[in-house]
Structures are given as C-alpha cells and as structure tokens.
Amino acid sequence: MVQVLRLRSKLNIRTASAAVELYNKYRSPEVTARLISIDAAGITLQFEGTFCNTCGFMDYFEDFIFEVKRLASINMRIDYVEEKAFQTFVVRYLAE
C-alpha cells in the first residue's frame, strides 16, 4: 500500500506512478521500481533486480529523476540509498 500526503510541489501520485511505469518500461526486468510512499517532501521507491554493476550502479537511481522531469518538469535529488536485501534498494528522493 502506498502512503500518500499532499505535496507542495507538482509531484503527485499520478505523476509518480506514471514515472515508475515509464522507468520500468525501459529498465525492467533488469531493474524494477516500485513506489513505496509519497509525502510533502518527496517520494520513496524500492528498486529490485540484477543491476549491471559495470554500467554505473547509481545511474539506475538517477534515471528515475529524468523520468519525473520529463513528465512534470520537477527537480529532484537523491536523499539516500539503503540496501534492504540482496539486489534490493530503497531510495528516497526529495523534490526541490
């Protein structure tokens, strides 16, 4: 279940979900994103997959920012990346 609060920025559940869908269209099954929560400051996603470590590991997380920007012209940055399990990461993004 996704937790939702009203955002101060243009980022909303519809935009975040569309960005996740677009992200997964081009990167799944190698890496699949799932929306965990969205709040006034930003969003939290879970990424799971095999990840190509030689391709630039952080690029997978940064690519999501470009999908959001393409859909809604919202600037975001990564707040933290936390490894939850083998090849499973939780990433917190903050809207700027």
N, C-alpha and C. Protein backbone atom coordinates (compact mmCIF):
# COMPACT_ATOMS: atom_id res chain seq x y z
N MET A 1 0.84 -1.18 0.00
CA MET A 1 0.00 0.00 0.00
C MET A 1 0.89 1.24 0.00
N VAL A 2 0.54 2.21 -0.81
CA VAL A 2 1.31 3.44 -0.92
C VAL A 2 0.73 4.49 0.02
N GLN A 3 1.59 5.07 0.82
CA GLN A 3 1.17 6.16 1.71
C GLN A 3 1.18 7.45 0.92
N VAL A 4 0.12 8.26 1.05
CA VAL A 4 0.01 9.48 0.26
C VAL A 4 -0.32 10.67 1.15
N LEU A 5 0.42 11.75 0.98
CA LEU A 5 0.12 13.04 1.60
C LEU A 5 0.16 14.09 0.50
N ARG A 6 -0.45 15.23 0.72
CA ARG A 6 -0.45 16.30 -0.26
C ARG A 6 0.95 16.91 -0.37
N LEU A 7 1.40 17.11 -1.60
CA LEU A 7 2.73 17.65 -1.84
C LEU A 7 2.69 19.14 -2.13
N ARG A 8 3.75 19.81 -1.71
CA ARG A 8 3.87 21.23 -2.02
C ARG A 8 4.27 21.44 -3.47
N SER A 9 4.98 20.52 -4.05
CA SER A 9 5.43 20.63 -5.43
C SER A 9 4.37 20.07 -6.37
N LYS A 10 4.68 20.04 -7.66
CA LYS A 10 3.77 19.49 -8.66
C LYS A 10 3.78 17.97 -8.66
N LEU A 11 4.64 17.37 -7.87
CA LEU A 11 4.71 15.91 -7.82
C LEU A 11 3.51 15.37 -7.07
N ASN A 12 2.76 14.49 -7.70
CA ASN A 12 1.60 13.88 -7.07
C ASN A 12 1.61 12.39 -7.38
N ILE A 13 0.64 11.69 -6.87
CA ILE A 13 0.60 10.24 -7.03
C ILE A 13 0.50 9.84 -8.50
N ARG A 14 -0.24 10.60 -9.27
CA ARG A 14 -0.40 10.30 -10.69
C ARG A 14 0.93 10.44 -11.44
N THR A 15 1.64 11.54 -11.19
CA THR A 15 2.93 11.77 -11.84
C THR A 15 3.96 10.73 -11.40
N ALA A 16 4.00 10.46 -10.10
CA ALA A 16 4.96 9.48 -9.58
C ALA A 16 4.68 8.09 -10.15
N SER A 17 3.43 7.71 -10.21
CA SER A 17 3.07 6.39 -10.77
C SER A 17 3.41 6.31 -12.25
N ALA A 18 3.15 7.38 -12.99
CA ALA A 18 3.48 7.40 -14.42
C ALA A 18 4.99 7.32 -14.63
N ALA A 19 5.75 7.99 -13.78
CA ALA A 19 7.21 7.95 -13.88
C ALA A 19 7.73 6.54 -13.58
N VAL A 20 7.16 5.87 -12.60
CA VAL A 20 7.55 4.50 -12.29
C VAL A 20 7.22 3.58 -13.47
N GLU A 21 6.05 3.76 -14.04
CA GLU A 21 5.65 2.93 -15.18
C GLU A 21 6.59 3.15 -16.37
N LEU A 22 6.93 4.40 -16.64
CA LEU A 22 7.85 4.71 -17.73
C LEU A 22 9.25 4.16 -17.44
N TYR A 23 9.70 4.32 -16.21
CA TYR A 23 11.00 3.78 -15.81
C TYR A 23 11.04 2.27 -16.06
N ASN A 24 10.03 1.58 -15.59
CA ASN A 24 10.00 0.12 -15.72
C ASN A 24 9.88 -0.34 -17.17
N LYS A 25 9.23 0.47 -17.99
CA LYS A 25 9.08 0.12 -19.41
C LYS A 25 10.43 -0.08 -20.07
N TYR A 26 11.40 0.73 -19.70
CA TYR A 26 12.71 0.68 -20.34
C TYR A 26 13.78 -0.07 -19.54
N ARG A 27 13.55 -0.35 -18.28
CA ARG A 27 14.61 -0.94 -17.46
C ARG A 27 14.27 -2.30 -16.86
N SER A 28 13.01 -2.65 -16.86
CA SER A 28 12.60 -3.95 -16.31
C SER A 28 12.77 -5.00 -17.40
N PRO A 29 13.20 -6.20 -17.11
CA PRO A 29 13.32 -6.85 -15.82
C PRO A 29 14.68 -6.69 -15.14
N GLU A 30 15.64 -6.04 -15.81
CA GLU A 30 16.96 -5.87 -15.18
C GLU A 30 16.84 -5.16 -13.84
N VAL A 31 16.05 -4.10 -13.81
CA VAL A 31 15.75 -3.38 -12.58
C VAL A 31 14.29 -2.95 -12.64
N THR A 32 13.57 -3.17 -11.55
CA THR A 32 12.16 -2.78 -11.48
C THR A 32 11.96 -1.88 -10.28
N ALA A 33 11.29 -0.74 -10.52
CA ALA A 33 10.99 0.21 -9.45
C ALA A 33 9.57 0.00 -8.96
N ARG A 34 9.38 0.27 -7.66
CA ARG A 34 8.04 0.18 -7.05
C ARG A 34 7.89 1.36 -6.10
N LEU A 35 6.80 2.07 -6.22
CA LEU A 35 6.51 3.21 -5.35
C LEU A 35 6.16 2.72 -3.95
N ILE A 36 6.89 3.20 -2.96
CA ILE A 36 6.61 2.82 -1.57
C ILE A 36 5.79 3.89 -0.86
N SER A 37 6.23 5.16 -0.99
CA SER A 37 5.48 6.23 -0.33
C SER A 37 5.73 7.55 -1.05
N ILE A 38 4.82 8.47 -0.82
CA ILE A 38 4.93 9.82 -1.34
C ILE A 38 4.43 10.75 -0.25
N ASP A 39 5.15 11.84 -0.02
CA ASP A 39 4.76 12.78 1.02
C ASP A 39 5.11 14.20 0.59
N ALA A 40 4.99 15.14 1.49
CA ALA A 40 5.19 16.55 1.17
C ALA A 40 6.60 16.86 0.69
N ALA A 41 7.57 16.09 1.11
CA ALA A 41 8.96 16.37 0.76
C ALA A 41 9.43 15.63 -0.49
N GLY A 42 8.86 14.48 -0.79
CA GLY A 42 9.33 13.70 -1.93
C GLY A 42 8.73 12.33 -1.97
N ILE A 43 9.46 11.39 -2.56
CA ILE A 43 8.96 10.03 -2.72
C ILE A 43 10.03 9.01 -2.35
N THR A 44 9.56 7.81 -2.04
CA THR A 44 10.45 6.70 -1.72
C THR A 44 10.10 5.55 -2.65
N LEU A 45 11.12 4.99 -3.27
CA LEU A 45 10.94 3.87 -4.19
C LEU A 45 11.79 2.69 -3.75
N GLN A 46 11.35 1.51 -4.14
CA GLN A 46 12.16 0.31 -3.97
C GLN A 46 12.59 -0.13 -5.36
N PHE A 47 13.87 -0.44 -5.52
CA PHE A 47 14.42 -0.95 -6.77
C PHE A 47 14.90 -2.37 -6.52
N GLU A 48 14.53 -3.25 -7.43
CA GLU A 48 14.93 -4.64 -7.28
C GLU A 48 15.31 -5.20 -8.65
N GLY A 49 16.36 -5.99 -8.68
CA GLY A 49 16.76 -6.60 -9.93
C GLY A 49 18.22 -7.01 -9.92
N THR A 50 18.71 -7.38 -11.09
CA THR A 50 20.07 -7.86 -11.19
C THR A 50 21.09 -6.74 -11.27
N PHE A 51 20.71 -5.55 -11.70
CA PHE A 51 21.60 -4.40 -11.80
C PHE A 51 22.89 -4.76 -12.54
N CYS A 52 23.23 -3.98 -13.52
CA CYS A 52 24.52 -4.14 -14.21
C CYS A 52 25.51 -3.23 -13.49
N ASN A 53 26.34 -3.80 -12.64
CA ASN A 53 27.26 -3.01 -11.82
C ASN A 53 28.33 -2.30 -12.64
N THR A 54 28.66 -2.80 -13.81
CA THR A 54 29.67 -2.14 -14.63
C THR A 54 29.09 -0.96 -15.41
N CYS A 55 27.78 -0.84 -15.45
CA CYS A 55 27.13 0.22 -16.24
C CYS A 55 26.99 1.53 -15.47
N GLY A 56 27.37 1.57 -14.24
CA GLY A 56 27.17 2.76 -13.43
C GLY A 56 25.99 2.51 -12.51
N PHE A 57 26.29 1.92 -11.39
CA PHE A 57 25.27 1.45 -10.46
C PHE A 57 24.29 2.55 -10.05
N MET A 58 24.79 3.72 -9.70
CA MET A 58 23.91 4.83 -9.27
C MET A 58 23.06 5.37 -10.41
N ASP A 59 23.45 5.11 -11.63
CA ASP A 59 22.67 5.59 -12.78
C ASP A 59 21.24 5.06 -12.74
N TYR A 60 21.05 3.85 -12.25
CA TYR A 60 19.70 3.29 -12.17
C TYR A 60 18.81 4.17 -11.30
N PHE A 61 19.33 4.69 -10.22
CA PHE A 61 18.54 5.52 -9.31
C PHE A 61 18.39 6.94 -9.87
N GLU A 62 19.44 7.45 -10.47
CA GLU A 62 19.39 8.80 -11.05
C GLU A 62 18.48 8.85 -12.27
N ASP A 63 18.36 7.75 -13.01
CA ASP A 63 17.49 7.73 -14.19
C ASP A 63 16.04 8.04 -13.83
N PHE A 64 15.61 7.67 -12.64
CA PHE A 64 14.23 7.95 -12.25
C PHE A 64 13.98 9.46 -12.20
N ILE A 65 14.97 10.23 -11.78
CA ILE A 65 14.84 11.69 -11.73
C ILE A 65 14.53 12.23 -13.13
N PHE A 66 15.19 11.69 -14.15
CA PHE A 66 14.95 12.16 -15.51
C PHE A 66 13.55 11.82 -16.00
N GLU A 67 13.01 10.68 -15.57
CA GLU A 67 11.63 10.33 -15.96
C GLU A 67 10.63 11.30 -15.33
N VAL A 68 10.84 11.65 -14.07
CA VAL A 68 9.95 12.62 -13.41
C VAL A 68 10.06 13.98 -14.10
N LYS A 69 11.27 14.40 -14.36
CA LYS A 69 11.49 15.70 -15.01
C LYS A 69 10.83 15.73 -16.39
N ARG A 70 10.90 14.64 -17.11
CA ARG A 70 10.30 14.58 -18.44
C ARG A 70 8.79 14.70 -18.38
N LEU A 71 8.18 14.14 -17.35
CA LEU A 71 6.71 14.17 -17.23
C LEU A 71 6.18 15.46 -16.61
N ALA A 72 6.92 16.04 -15.67
CA ALA A 72 6.35 17.15 -14.90
C ALA A 72 7.31 18.31 -14.66
N SER A 73 8.47 18.29 -15.24
CA SER A 73 9.45 19.38 -15.05
C SER A 73 9.72 19.66 -13.57
N ILE A 74 9.86 18.61 -12.80
CA ILE A 74 10.13 18.74 -11.36
C ILE A 74 11.58 18.37 -11.10
N ASN A 75 12.29 19.22 -10.38
CA ASN A 75 13.66 18.91 -9.99
C ASN A 75 13.65 18.06 -8.74
N MET A 76 14.42 16.99 -8.77
CA MET A 76 14.52 16.11 -7.62
C MET A 76 15.98 15.76 -7.40
N ARG A 77 16.26 15.27 -6.20
CA ARG A 77 17.61 14.78 -5.90
C ARG A 77 17.48 13.57 -4.99
N ILE A 78 18.52 12.76 -4.99
CA ILE A 78 18.53 11.58 -4.13
C ILE A 78 18.93 12.00 -2.72
N ASP A 79 18.12 11.63 -1.76
CA ASP A 79 18.42 11.91 -0.35
C ASP A 79 19.28 10.78 0.22
N TYR A 80 18.85 9.53 0.00
CA TYR A 80 19.65 8.40 0.47
C TYR A 80 19.32 7.15 -0.34
N VAL A 81 20.24 6.21 -0.32
CA VAL A 81 20.08 4.88 -0.91
C VAL A 81 20.39 3.89 0.20
N GLU A 82 19.47 2.98 0.45
CA GLU A 82 19.66 1.99 1.52
C GLU A 82 19.47 0.59 0.94
N GLU A 83 20.45 -0.26 1.14
CA GLU A 83 20.33 -1.65 0.70
C GLU A 83 19.49 -2.41 1.72
N LYS A 84 18.38 -2.98 1.25
CA LYS A 84 17.46 -3.69 2.14
C LYS A 84 17.69 -5.20 2.12
N ALA A 85 18.09 -5.71 0.99
CA ALA A 85 18.36 -7.14 0.82
C ALA A 85 19.25 -7.27 -0.41
N PHE A 86 19.62 -8.48 -0.72
CA PHE A 86 20.45 -8.71 -1.90
C PHE A 86 19.74 -8.19 -3.14
N GLN A 87 20.36 -7.24 -3.83
CA GLN A 87 19.84 -6.62 -5.04
C GLN A 87 18.49 -5.94 -4.86
N THR A 88 18.25 -5.43 -3.66
CA THR A 88 17.04 -4.67 -3.36
C THR A 88 17.44 -3.42 -2.59
N PHE A 89 17.04 -2.27 -3.13
CA PHE A 89 17.43 -0.98 -2.56
C PHE A 89 16.21 -0.08 -2.39
N VAL A 90 16.21 0.68 -1.33
CA VAL A 90 15.20 1.71 -1.11
C VAL A 90 15.90 3.05 -1.31
N VAL A 91 15.27 3.90 -2.15
CA VAL A 91 15.85 5.19 -2.48
C VAL A 91 14.83 6.27 -2.15
N ARG A 92 15.29 7.26 -1.43
CA ARG A 92 14.47 8.42 -1.05
C ARG A 92 14.84 9.59 -1.94
N TYR A 93 13.86 10.17 -2.61
CA TYR A 93 14.05 11.32 -3.47
C TYR A 93 13.36 12.53 -2.84
N LEU A 94 14.01 13.67 -2.89
CA LEU A 94 13.42 14.90 -2.40
C LEU A 94 13.12 15.84 -3.56
N ALA A 95 11.94 16.43 -3.55
CA ALA A 95 11.57 17.41 -4.56
C ALA A 95 12.20 18.74 -4.17
N GLU A 96 12.73 19.43 -5.18
CA GLU A 96 13.39 20.72 -4.90
C GLU A 96 12.56 21.85 -5.45
